[in-house]
Amino acid sequence: MNRKSSLVVTAVMVATIVVQACSSAATPAPSAAPTTAPSAGASQAAAASPSTAAAPVKLTLWHNYGVESNAKVTKALTDAYTAKNPNVTFELVAQPADNYFALLKAAAISKDGPDLLTMWTGLFALQNQAFLEPLNQYIPLETLQKFDGINWCSKDLNVEQGAVCVPLDLQYYNGFYNKELFTKAGITSFPTTWDELYAACDKLKAINVTPMTYGTGLQALNAGFYPYYDLSYMMMMYSVDDWKKLYNGQIPWTDPKIVDQLTKWAALKTKGCTNDDVLANNESVSQFETGKAAMTLEGSWGFSEFQDKLGDKVGVFVPPFNDTQAKGVVEFPGNGFGVTNYSQHKQDAANFLAWMATPEAQKIIADGGLIPTVAGTSPTNPLALGMLDFAATQGFTRYPMIDNVMQPEVTDVATKLLDAVLAGTTTPQEAAQKIQDALNALPADRRGDTYQ
């Protein structure tokens, strides 16, 4: 997400953990075939770094990051690239997150959009590949393969078939909590189940604190809150492999287990664990940062924001949305940058993406509070290290972002319905049936065993 850029992201990790540990064990995409040598054209293109004597080039880059950390890192990356290549400048355009993909599609029809763009990985990249330029002819394969998760940015989820974007950072869906408020409420360990979470809510309410705040959050991805931060963890009652069965329909969205999970999730509001205005709250970030709320659901793009505002008071958690502890964590290369196939500067844009694999660029990403996707550069943010710790040392299973492996048409329908479930304006049963109806309405080849 990105995300989606974008309920959508940490316990400090041992100092010896480096990004290579995360890179070697991150959520796997379908395996790529053995590496083949890049074409001569690709090798030559990558070797030819733009020179200061080259003709001026202006690259337009669209993103949907708002003012979050990813936006700041994007600006730092483009500034650094221009410093090395003075003939290349960038125009960064922050597009509204809630209709970002519609704007991209409209621009592709008129061919008046950007040269570079933020693209969410997984099925979002596949569904938008019609206007994304395959990158293998511009960037050597060995450079593309440096990016952890590049398969999730490629045709057929295989980089050898053609990458259509490169990941910017390793992302999480996760919760943030205020350690001081938990201590004040007498909560000595973080909840691991629904019942423990409800009990913690009661203790937080007793000190006049809203336990969990929902709202538009840091990303403002839609008019309400973005429900896939939560749904990803609710669906961890299934294995990673079984998530494919949600895609192909072998596990229907009307499965009583799913309805039960949605029912327990909706109880967060009816039990007073959340703010009342979950669909119209634009203050969720400030409520959390000012101590009016003890928890919020976001993602890794919030690491720097919350660390800067709350310091040692803030911690990270994986939502305990199960009857028994489900030791899973959403760890995924959720977004990156692609090149439009109508750009007049494809090679120049691709050169920038290839440069992103360099230690210099990866350090900029780490220093911006994000988690680099190329092995060899450690993240610096304590919350990032905390989230890495769940899978790297505590044995949590890595899951993708569930909205990145759902058909976008189903995601669009489910977004409004899931918001309504938590708000109490529709029932879990009604929502589950309508989500299933959206899946059933797709052509059979969009409900098969291969993601597309």
Protein backbone atom coordinates (compact mmCIF):
# COMPACT_ATOMS: atom_id res chain seq x y z
CA MET A 1 0.00 0.00 0.00
CA ASN A 2 1.26 1.64 -1.44
CA ARG A 3 0.29 2.74 0.02
CA LYS A 4 -2.13 2.55 -1.79
CA SER A 5 -0.26 3.90 -0.89
CA SER A 6 -2.71 3.83 0.96
CA LEU A 7 -5.80 0.20 8.80
CA VAL A 8 -2.79 0.50 7.16
CA VAL A 9 3.21 0.28 9.77
CA THR A 10 8.25 -1.63 16.76
CA ALA A 11 10.49 -3.87 20.61
CA VAL A 12 14.09 -3.24 19.57
CA MET A 13 15.86 -5.79 17.41
CA VAL A 14 19.32 -7.11 18.24
CA ALA A 15 22.01 -4.95 16.76
CA THR A 16 23.31 -7.64 14.48
CA ILE A 17 20.07 -7.90 12.50
CA VAL A 18 20.59 -6.32 9.09
CA VAL A 19 18.35 -5.86 6.14
CA GLN A 20 19.88 -8.89 4.48
CA ALA A 21 18.19 -11.04 7.13
CA CYS A 22 14.87 -9.52 6.23
CA SER A 23 15.61 -9.71 2.53
CA SER A 24 16.48 -13.37 2.56
CA ALA A 25 13.35 -14.37 4.45
CA ALA A 26 10.71 -11.90 3.35
CA THR A 27 7.31 -13.03 2.10
CA PRO A 28 8.11 -15.06 -0.99
CA ALA A 29 6.61 -14.41 -4.37
CA PRO A 30 6.56 -17.22 -6.91
CA SER A 31 10.15 -18.21 -7.52
CA ALA A 32 11.93 -16.74 -10.49
CA ALA A 33 13.87 -18.93 -12.84
CA PRO A 34 17.69 -18.98 -12.52
CA THR A 35 19.31 -15.68 -13.34
CA THR A 36 20.16 -15.16 -16.98
CA ALA A 37 22.59 -12.68 -18.40
CA PRO A 38 21.11 -9.27 -19.24
CA SER A 39 20.80 -8.24 -22.83
CA ALA A 40 23.54 -6.16 -24.33
CA GLY A 41 21.13 -3.25 -24.61
CA ALA A 42 20.27 -3.43 -20.93
CA SER A 43 23.91 -3.60 -19.89
CA GLN A 44 24.81 -0.64 -22.03
CA ALA A 45 21.83 1.36 -20.80
CA ALA A 46 22.69 0.79 -17.16
CA ALA A 47 26.35 1.54 -17.71
CA ALA A 48 25.57 4.86 -19.32
CA SER A 49 24.90 7.09 -16.34
CA PRO A 50 23.58 10.49 -17.38
CA SER A 51 26.43 12.97 -17.67
CA THR A 52 26.52 16.55 -16.62
CA ALA A 53 26.95 17.49 -20.29
CA ALA A 54 23.80 15.69 -21.40
CA ALA A 55 20.75 17.59 -22.56
CA PRO A 56 18.41 18.75 -19.79
CA VAL A 57 15.68 16.25 -18.86
CA LYS A 58 12.70 16.93 -16.62
CA LEU A 59 11.00 13.87 -15.17
CA THR A 60 7.52 14.17 -13.68
CA LEU A 61 6.83 11.79 -10.79
CA TRP A 62 3.36 11.21 -9.38
CA HIS A 63 2.89 9.76 -5.91
CA ASN A 64 0.05 9.26 -3.45
CA TYR A 65 2.10 9.61 -0.28
CA GLY A 66 0.69 12.87 1.01
CA VAL A 67 3.22 14.22 3.51
CA GLU A 68 4.18 10.90 5.10
CA SER A 69 7.73 9.51 5.31
CA ASN A 70 7.59 7.98 1.84
CA ALA A 71 6.98 11.43 0.37
CA LYS A 72 9.96 12.89 2.22
CA VAL A 73 12.18 10.00 1.14
CA THR A 74 11.05 10.40 -2.46
CA LYS A 75 12.06 14.06 -2.37
CA ALA A 76 15.41 13.18 -0.80
CA LEU A 77 16.07 10.53 -3.46
CA THR A 78 15.27 12.80 -6.37
CA ASP A 79 17.31 15.66 -4.89
CA ALA A 80 20.31 13.37 -4.45
CA TYR A 81 19.98 12.05 -7.98
CA THR A 82 19.86 15.55 -9.43
CA ALA A 83 22.95 16.47 -7.41
CA LYS A 84 24.79 13.64 -9.15
CA ASN A 85 23.17 14.25 -12.53
CA PRO A 86 22.51 18.01 -12.86
CA ASN A 87 20.89 17.62 -16.28
CA VAL A 88 18.03 15.60 -14.71
CA THR A 89 15.41 17.41 -12.65
CA PHE A 90 12.15 16.19 -11.17
CA GLU A 91 8.67 17.58 -10.78
CA LEU A 92 7.03 15.78 -7.86
CA VAL A 93 3.24 15.80 -7.95
CA ALA A 94 1.32 14.65 -4.85
CA GLN A 95 -1.96 13.21 -6.10
CA PRO A 96 -4.96 12.53 -3.84
CA ALA A 97 -4.73 9.03 -2.45
CA ASP A 98 -8.42 8.17 -2.59
CA ASN A 99 -8.67 8.23 -6.41
CA TYR A 100 -5.02 7.86 -7.33
CA PHE A 101 -5.40 4.81 -9.57
CA ALA A 102 -8.34 6.33 -11.42
CA LEU A 103 -6.17 9.36 -12.18
CA LEU A 104 -3.38 7.12 -13.45
CA LYS A 105 -5.73 5.27 -15.80
CA ALA A 106 -7.22 8.48 -17.14
CA ALA A 107 -3.75 9.91 -17.74
CA ALA A 108 -2.74 6.73 -19.57
CA ILE A 109 -5.62 7.16 -22.00
CA SER A 110 -4.73 10.78 -22.77
CA LYS A 111 -0.99 10.06 -22.44
CA ASP A 112 -0.45 13.26 -20.49
CA GLY A 113 0.54 11.72 -17.19
CA PRO A 114 3.90 11.31 -15.47
CA ASP A 115 7.17 9.70 -16.48
CA LEU A 116 7.51 8.00 -13.11
CA LEU A 117 4.79 6.95 -10.68
CA THR A 118 4.20 5.28 -7.38
CA MET A 119 2.80 1.80 -7.97
CA TRP A 120 1.55 -0.66 -5.41
CA THR A 121 2.91 -4.14 -5.89
CA GLY A 122 1.16 -7.47 -6.33
CA LEU A 123 -2.16 -7.45 -8.15
CA PHE A 124 -2.19 -3.65 -8.35
CA ALA A 125 0.92 -3.76 -10.55
CA LEU A 126 -0.54 -6.58 -12.64
CA GLN A 127 -3.86 -4.80 -13.13
CA ASN A 128 -2.11 -1.61 -14.23
CA GLN A 129 0.64 -3.11 -16.34
CA ALA A 130 -1.08 -1.95 -19.55
CA PHE A 131 0.47 1.49 -19.05
CA LEU A 132 3.66 0.40 -17.24
CA GLU A 133 6.87 0.02 -19.22
CA PRO A 134 8.72 -3.31 -18.76
CA LEU A 135 12.08 -2.39 -17.26
CA ASN A 136 14.30 -5.33 -18.21
CA GLN A 137 15.37 -3.73 -21.49
CA TYR A 138 16.64 -0.68 -19.58
CA ILE A 139 18.00 -2.18 -16.34
CA PRO A 140 20.18 -5.31 -16.10
CA LEU A 141 18.50 -8.31 -14.54
CA GLU A 142 21.13 -8.60 -11.82
CA THR A 143 20.35 -5.01 -10.77
CA LEU A 144 16.62 -5.67 -10.67
CA GLN A 145 17.15 -8.80 -8.60
CA LYS A 146 18.86 -6.76 -5.90
CA PHE A 147 15.43 -5.44 -4.90
CA ASP A 148 13.82 -7.80 -2.41
CA GLY A 149 10.29 -8.48 -3.61
CA ILE A 150 10.93 -7.58 -7.25
CA ASN A 151 8.78 -10.55 -8.34
CA TRP A 152 5.78 -8.80 -6.80
CA CYS A 153 6.55 -5.91 -9.17
CA SER A 154 6.77 -8.03 -12.32
CA LYS A 155 4.63 -9.55 -15.04
CA ASP A 156 3.42 -13.01 -14.01
CA LEU A 157 5.07 -12.23 -10.64
CA ASN A 158 8.39 -13.23 -12.22
CA VAL A 159 11.09 -10.64 -12.83
CA GLU A 160 12.36 -12.52 -15.89
CA GLN A 161 9.01 -11.87 -17.54
CA GLY A 162 9.56 -8.14 -17.09
CA ALA A 163 9.63 -5.94 -14.00
CA VAL A 164 7.13 -3.08 -14.22
CA CYS A 165 8.23 -1.35 -11.01
CA VAL A 166 10.93 -1.56 -8.36
CA PRO A 167 10.12 -1.65 -4.63
CA LEU A 168 10.88 1.45 -2.60
CA ASP A 169 10.78 -0.07 0.87
CA LEU A 170 9.80 -3.10 2.87
CA GLN A 171 6.46 -2.25 4.45
CA TYR A 172 4.35 -3.39 7.36
CA TYR A 173 0.75 -3.18 8.40
CA ASN A 174 0.93 -2.84 12.16
CA GLY A 175 -0.37 -1.08 15.21
CA PHE A 176 1.21 1.62 17.33
CA TYR A 177 0.56 1.95 21.06
CA ASN A 178 1.37 4.38 23.85
CA LYS A 179 3.47 2.54 26.43
CA GLU A 180 2.86 5.14 29.15
CA LEU A 181 -0.91 4.84 28.83
CA PHE A 182 -0.71 1.06 28.97
CA THR A 183 1.38 1.27 32.15
CA LYS A 184 -1.02 3.79 33.67
CA ALA A 185 -3.93 1.46 32.89
CA GLY A 186 -2.14 -1.46 34.55
CA ILE A 187 -1.66 -3.46 31.34
CA THR A 188 1.58 -5.38 31.81
CA SER A 189 1.71 -7.34 28.56
CA PHE A 190 0.28 -6.63 25.16
CA PRO A 191 -2.93 -8.55 24.32
CA THR A 192 -2.61 -11.57 22.04
CA THR A 193 -6.29 -12.53 21.55
CA TRP A 194 -9.70 -10.89 21.05
CA ASP A 195 -10.67 -11.45 24.69
CA GLU A 196 -7.41 -10.03 26.00
CA LEU A 197 -7.86 -7.01 23.73
CA TYR A 198 -11.40 -6.39 24.98
CA ALA A 199 -10.12 -6.61 28.57
CA ALA A 200 -7.33 -4.12 27.82
CA CYS A 201 -9.90 -1.76 26.33
CA ASP A 202 -11.83 -1.80 29.59
CA LYS A 203 -8.70 -0.84 31.55
CA LEU A 204 -7.89 1.99 29.15
CA LYS A 205 -11.43 3.34 29.29
CA ALA A 206 -11.14 3.35 33.08
CA ILE A 207 -8.41 6.01 32.80
CA ASN A 208 -10.55 8.04 30.35
CA VAL A 209 -8.55 7.13 27.25
CA THR A 210 -9.99 5.99 23.93
CA PRO A 211 -8.43 2.54 23.50
CA MET A 212 -8.22 2.53 19.69
CA THR A 213 -8.70 5.41 17.27
CA TYR A 214 -9.88 4.85 13.71
CA GLY A 215 -9.97 7.48 10.99
CA THR A 216 -8.40 8.62 7.76
CA GLY A 217 -4.95 8.26 9.31
CA LEU A 218 -1.65 9.26 7.79
CA GLN A 219 -2.49 8.11 4.27
CA ALA A 220 -6.12 9.27 3.84
CA LEU A 221 -6.77 6.48 1.35
CA ASN A 222 -10.54 6.84 1.43
CA ALA A 223 -13.29 8.82 3.09
CA GLY A 224 -13.34 6.51 6.10
CA PHE A 225 -10.50 4.36 7.39
CA TYR A 226 -8.52 1.84 5.37
CA PRO A 227 -9.75 -1.58 6.54
CA TYR A 228 -7.04 -3.83 5.11
CA TYR A 229 -4.60 -3.19 7.94
CA ASP A 230 -7.13 -4.97 10.16
CA LEU A 231 -8.39 -7.53 7.64
CA SER A 232 -4.87 -8.79 6.96
CA TYR A 233 -4.58 -9.85 10.58
CA MET A 234 -8.11 -11.19 10.88
CA MET A 235 -7.43 -13.52 7.96
CA MET A 236 -4.33 -14.96 9.63
CA MET A 237 -6.58 -17.73 10.90
CA TYR A 238 -5.68 -19.12 7.45
CA SER A 239 -2.18 -19.95 6.26
CA VAL A 240 -0.36 -17.82 3.70
CA ASP A 241 -0.99 -20.51 1.09
CA ASP A 242 -4.71 -20.56 1.91
CA TRP A 243 -5.00 -16.87 1.04
CA LYS A 244 -4.85 -18.01 -2.59
CA LYS A 245 -8.12 -19.85 -1.86
CA LEU A 246 -9.76 -16.51 -1.07
CA TYR A 247 -8.60 -15.34 -4.50
CA ASN A 248 -9.88 -18.37 -6.41
CA GLY A 249 -13.03 -18.86 -4.37
CA GLN A 250 -12.20 -22.18 -2.73
CA ILE A 251 -12.68 -20.37 0.57
CA PRO A 252 -15.75 -18.16 0.13
CA TRP A 253 -15.96 -14.81 1.85
CA THR A 254 -19.18 -16.12 3.39
CA ASP A 255 -17.23 -18.79 5.28
CA PRO A 256 -18.66 -18.80 8.85
CA LYS A 257 -15.11 -18.38 10.17
CA ILE A 258 -14.78 -15.08 8.29
CA VAL A 259 -18.20 -13.88 9.42
CA ASP A 260 -17.24 -14.73 13.00
CA GLN A 261 -14.01 -12.74 12.68
CA LEU A 262 -15.88 -9.73 11.29
CA THR A 263 -18.40 -10.02 14.13
CA LYS A 264 -15.67 -9.93 16.76
CA TRP A 265 -14.03 -7.03 14.96
CA ALA A 266 -17.33 -5.08 14.93
CA ALA A 267 -17.54 -5.69 18.68
CA LEU A 268 -14.56 -3.38 19.13
CA LYS A 269 -16.90 -0.46 18.56
CA THR A 270 -19.94 -1.84 20.38
CA LYS A 271 -17.76 -2.61 23.42
CA GLY A 272 -16.40 0.94 23.41
CA CYS A 273 -12.88 0.09 22.28
CA THR A 274 -12.97 2.66 19.47
CA ASN A 275 -14.04 6.22 18.81
CA ASP A 276 -17.68 6.60 17.75
CA ASP A 277 -16.99 8.40 14.48
CA VAL A 278 -14.90 5.75 12.73
CA LEU A 279 -16.22 6.83 9.31
CA ALA A 280 -15.77 10.58 9.72
CA ASN A 281 -12.74 11.04 11.92
CA ASN A 282 -9.93 13.13 10.45
CA GLU A 283 -8.12 13.44 13.77
CA SER A 284 -6.97 9.87 14.41
CA VAL A 285 -3.28 10.76 14.08
CA SER A 286 -3.46 13.75 16.43
CA GLN A 287 -5.62 11.81 18.90
CA PHE A 288 -2.94 9.18 19.16
CA GLU A 289 -0.04 11.62 19.26
CA THR A 290 -1.60 13.73 22.01
CA GLY A 291 -2.40 10.77 24.24
CA LYS A 292 -6.16 10.90 23.78
CA ALA A 293 -6.05 7.41 22.26
CA ALA A 294 -3.81 4.53 23.27
CA MET A 295 -3.63 2.63 19.96
CA THR A 296 -3.94 3.21 16.25
CA LEU A 297 -3.58 1.02 13.16
CA GLU A 298 -1.26 2.28 10.43
CA GLY A 299 1.91 0.94 8.87
CA SER A 300 5.63 1.42 8.39
CA TRP A 301 5.09 4.84 6.79
CA GLY A 302 4.25 6.02 10.32
CA PHE A 303 7.56 4.98 11.91
CA SER A 304 9.24 8.38 11.64
CA GLU A 305 6.09 10.39 12.37
CA PHE A 306 5.27 8.61 15.61
CA GLN A 307 8.88 8.21 16.71
CA ASP A 308 9.44 11.95 16.28
CA LYS A 309 6.27 12.89 18.15
CA LEU A 310 6.24 10.29 20.92
CA GLY A 311 9.83 9.11 21.28
CA ASP A 312 10.28 6.24 23.74
CA LYS A 313 6.57 6.28 24.61
CA VAL A 314 5.55 4.62 21.35
CA GLY A 315 5.73 0.92 20.61
CA VAL A 316 4.58 -1.33 17.78
CA PHE A 317 2.30 -4.34 17.83
CA VAL A 318 0.72 -6.91 15.56
CA PRO A 319 -3.07 -6.72 15.95
CA PRO A 320 -4.32 -9.59 18.16
CA PHE A 321 -7.36 -10.25 16.00
CA ASN A 322 -7.83 -13.96 16.70
CA ASP A 323 -9.21 -16.30 19.35
CA THR A 324 -5.73 -17.73 19.91
CA GLN A 325 -2.46 -15.99 19.22
CA ALA A 326 -1.80 -16.06 15.49
CA LYS A 327 1.93 -15.53 15.12
CA GLY A 328 1.85 -13.74 11.80
CA VAL A 329 3.09 -10.35 10.65
CA VAL A 330 2.41 -8.40 7.46
CA GLU A 331 5.87 -7.83 5.96
CA PHE A 332 5.81 -7.02 2.26
CA PRO A 333 7.38 -4.78 -0.43
CA GLY A 334 4.11 -2.90 -0.73
CA ASN A 335 4.93 -0.11 -3.13
CA GLY A 336 7.56 1.21 -5.50
CA PHE A 337 8.11 3.23 -8.64
CA GLY A 338 7.37 2.43 -12.27
CA VAL A 339 7.82 4.12 -15.65
CA THR A 340 4.86 4.89 -17.91
CA ASN A 341 4.96 3.33 -21.37
CA TYR A 342 4.08 6.69 -22.92
CA SER A 343 6.93 8.59 -21.26
CA GLN A 344 9.23 10.45 -23.62
CA HIS A 345 12.14 9.80 -21.25
CA LYS A 346 11.96 6.08 -20.49
CA GLN A 347 15.68 5.44 -20.31
CA ASP A 348 16.29 8.49 -18.11
CA ALA A 349 13.48 7.40 -15.78
CA ALA A 350 14.79 3.84 -15.69
CA ASN A 351 18.29 5.09 -14.90
CA PHE A 352 16.88 6.70 -11.76
CA LEU A 353 15.24 3.40 -10.75
CA ALA A 354 18.52 1.53 -11.33
CA TRP A 355 20.33 4.08 -9.15
CA MET A 356 17.88 3.29 -6.34
CA ALA A 357 19.68 -0.04 -5.90
CA THR A 358 22.92 1.71 -4.94
CA PRO A 359 24.17 1.94 -1.33
CA GLU A 360 23.82 5.72 -1.51
CA ALA A 361 20.13 5.54 -2.36
CA GLN A 362 19.43 2.77 0.13
CA LYS A 363 21.02 4.81 2.92
CA ILE A 364 18.69 7.71 2.07
CA ILE A 365 15.75 5.31 2.40
CA ALA A 366 17.01 4.02 5.76
CA ASP A 367 17.78 7.50 7.09
CA GLY A 368 14.23 8.51 6.18
CA GLY A 369 12.82 5.96 8.64
CA LEU A 370 11.92 3.33 6.03
CA ILE A 371 13.23 -0.21 5.62
CA PRO A 372 15.47 -0.66 2.55
CA THR A 373 14.75 -3.56 0.20
CA VAL A 374 18.33 -4.07 -0.98
CA ALA A 375 20.54 -6.18 1.29
CA GLY A 376 23.41 -4.43 2.99
CA THR A 377 21.80 -1.33 4.52
CA SER A 378 20.31 -1.54 8.00
CA PRO A 379 17.24 0.48 8.99
CA THR A 380 17.89 3.07 11.66
CA ASN A 381 14.43 3.68 13.12
CA PRO A 382 13.79 1.80 16.40
CA LEU A 383 10.20 1.04 15.37
CA ALA A 384 11.41 -0.44 12.09
CA LEU A 385 13.84 -2.63 13.98
CA GLY A 386 11.02 -3.67 16.30
CA MET A 387 8.83 -4.80 13.42
CA LEU A 388 11.69 -6.68 11.77
CA ASP A 389 12.13 -8.51 15.06
CA PHE A 390 8.75 -10.25 14.90
CA ALA A 391 9.73 -12.44 11.96
CA ALA A 392 13.51 -12.35 12.25
CA THR A 393 13.85 -13.51 15.87
CA GLN A 394 10.37 -14.30 17.26
CA GLY A 395 9.30 -16.79 14.61
CA PHE A 396 6.31 -14.91 13.24
CA THR A 397 5.16 -16.02 9.79
CA ARG A 398 5.45 -13.37 7.08
CA TYR A 399 2.22 -12.54 5.23
CA PRO A 400 1.67 -10.23 2.26
CA MET A 401 -0.72 -7.29 2.43
CA ILE A 402 -4.09 -8.89 1.79
CA ASP A 403 -5.29 -6.07 -0.47
CA ASN A 404 -2.27 -6.70 -2.71
CA VAL A 405 -3.42 -10.27 -3.35
CA MET A 406 -7.15 -9.58 -3.79
CA GLN A 407 -8.68 -8.66 -7.12
CA PRO A 408 -8.91 -4.84 -7.22
CA GLU A 409 -12.62 -5.04 -8.09
CA VAL A 410 -13.20 -7.07 -4.93
CA THR A 411 -11.03 -4.70 -2.92
CA ASP A 412 -13.03 -1.69 -4.11
CA VAL A 413 -16.32 -3.28 -3.02
CA ALA A 414 -14.95 -4.61 0.25
CA THR A 415 -13.46 -1.28 1.35
CA LYS A 416 -16.81 0.41 1.83
CA LEU A 417 -18.46 -2.70 3.24
CA LEU A 418 -15.76 -3.37 5.82
CA ASP A 419 -15.84 0.24 6.97
CA ALA A 420 -19.59 -0.11 7.38
CA VAL A 421 -19.19 -3.31 9.42
CA LEU A 422 -17.05 -1.60 12.04
CA ALA A 423 -19.33 1.44 11.99
CA GLY A 424 -22.32 -0.82 12.60
CA THR A 425 -24.24 0.28 9.51
CA THR A 426 -24.17 -3.15 7.87
CA THR A 427 -23.91 -6.64 9.29
CA PRO A 428 -20.93 -8.96 8.87
CA GLN A 429 -23.16 -11.43 7.04
CA GLU A 430 -24.39 -8.82 4.56
CA ALA A 431 -20.89 -7.56 3.92
CA ALA A 432 -19.45 -11.05 3.43
CA GLN A 433 -22.16 -11.92 0.91
CA LYS A 434 -21.64 -8.76 -1.14
CA ILE A 435 -17.88 -9.27 -1.19
CA GLN A 436 -18.46 -12.81 -2.42
CA ASP A 437 -20.89 -11.50 -5.05
CA ALA A 438 -18.16 -9.14 -6.31
CA LEU A 439 -15.77 -12.08 -6.63
CA ASN A 440 -18.35 -14.23 -8.40
CA ALA A 441 -19.02 -11.44 -10.90
CA LEU A 442 -15.47 -11.63 -12.24
CA PRO A 443 -14.63 -13.73 -15.30
CA ALA A 444 -13.51 -17.26 -14.49
CA ASP A 445 -9.93 -16.55 -15.55
CA ARG A 446 -9.76 -13.82 -12.88
CA ARG A 447 -10.64 -16.39 -10.20
CA GLY A 448 -8.09 -19.03 -11.06
CA ASP A 449 -5.00 -20.48 -9.44
CA THR A 450 -2.67 -17.86 -10.94
CA TYR A 451 -2.61 -14.31 -9.72
CA GLN A 452 -3.29 -11.84 -12.51
